[in-house]
Amino acid sequence: MGMELDDLVLAPYTTVMKRIMAQTYLGGIVCSAITEEASQPAQDQITEILRRNHKLKDATDTTE
């Protein structure tokens, strides 16, 4: 029993989010580190990327 390709729809996530779900924001993300020891550095890197992308100055700046 294979998957029926006639019943398959592929669409970019942001297109579905905006046009079908009527959402303009991402509700959350899920991440995992390769090892437990890599968890904190990964969290720090993710935080840094999100702060830079949202133009946040420091840990106390929560405005966009």
Protein backbone atom coordinates (compact mmCIF):
# COMPACT_ATOMS: atom_id res chain seq x y z
CA MET A 1 0.00 0.00 0.00
CA GLY A 2 1.64 3.16 -1.21
CA MET A 3 0.62 6.72 -0.80
CA GLU A 4 -1.80 8.07 -3.42
CA LEU A 5 0.07 10.97 -5.04
CA ASP A 6 -3.20 12.32 -6.47
CA ASP A 7 -4.24 13.14 -2.90
CA LEU A 8 -1.04 15.00 -2.01
CA VAL A 9 -0.77 18.79 -1.78
CA LEU A 10 2.53 20.54 -1.17
CA ALA A 11 2.57 24.25 -0.35
CA PRO A 12 5.01 26.64 1.27
CA TYR A 13 4.30 26.95 4.99
CA THR A 14 4.03 30.74 4.90
CA THR A 15 1.55 30.61 2.01
CA VAL A 16 -0.72 28.21 3.92
CA MET A 17 -0.29 30.27 7.08
CA LYS A 18 -1.29 33.56 5.41
CA ARG A 19 -3.82 32.52 2.77
CA ILE A 20 -5.55 29.52 4.34
CA MET A 21 -5.08 29.99 8.09
CA ALA A 22 -5.27 33.83 7.93
CA GLN A 23 -2.29 34.13 10.28
CA THR A 24 0.45 36.69 9.87
CA TYR A 25 2.61 35.48 12.73
CA LEU A 26 4.36 32.29 13.74
CA GLY A 27 2.87 30.94 16.97
CA GLY A 28 5.95 29.05 18.08
CA ILE A 29 8.95 26.99 17.10
CA VAL A 30 10.33 23.69 18.31
CA CYS A 31 14.08 23.09 18.36
CA SER A 32 16.33 20.33 19.61
CA ALA A 33 20.07 20.09 20.17
CA ILE A 34 22.22 17.19 19.06
CA THR A 35 23.36 16.46 22.63
CA GLU A 36 22.39 17.62 26.11
CA GLU A 37 25.69 19.50 26.38
CA ALA A 38 24.84 21.42 23.20
CA SER A 39 21.43 22.55 24.54
CA GLN A 40 22.55 25.77 26.23
CA PRO A 41 24.79 26.95 23.37
CA ALA A 42 21.97 26.16 20.92
CA GLN A 43 19.49 28.11 23.05
CA ASP A 44 21.89 31.06 23.20
CA GLN A 45 22.36 31.02 19.42
CA ILE A 46 18.61 30.84 18.78
CA THR A 47 18.00 33.72 21.20
CA GLU A 48 20.68 35.79 19.49
CA ILE A 49 19.20 35.13 16.03
CA LEU A 50 15.67 35.99 17.16
CA ARG A 51 16.84 39.19 18.88
CA ARG A 52 18.75 40.26 15.78
CA ASN A 53 15.86 39.44 13.41
CA HIS A 54 13.37 41.32 15.59
CA LYS A 55 15.80 44.19 16.21
CA LEU A 56 15.74 43.78 20.01
CA LYS A 57 18.55 45.59 21.82
CA ASP A 58 18.99 43.53 24.99
CA ALA A 59 17.27 40.98 27.21
CA THR A 60 14.97 43.61 28.73
CA ASP A 61 13.82 45.02 25.36
CA THR A 62 10.65 43.19 24.34
CA THR A 63 9.33 45.76 21.88
CA GLU A 64 9.35 45.15 18.14
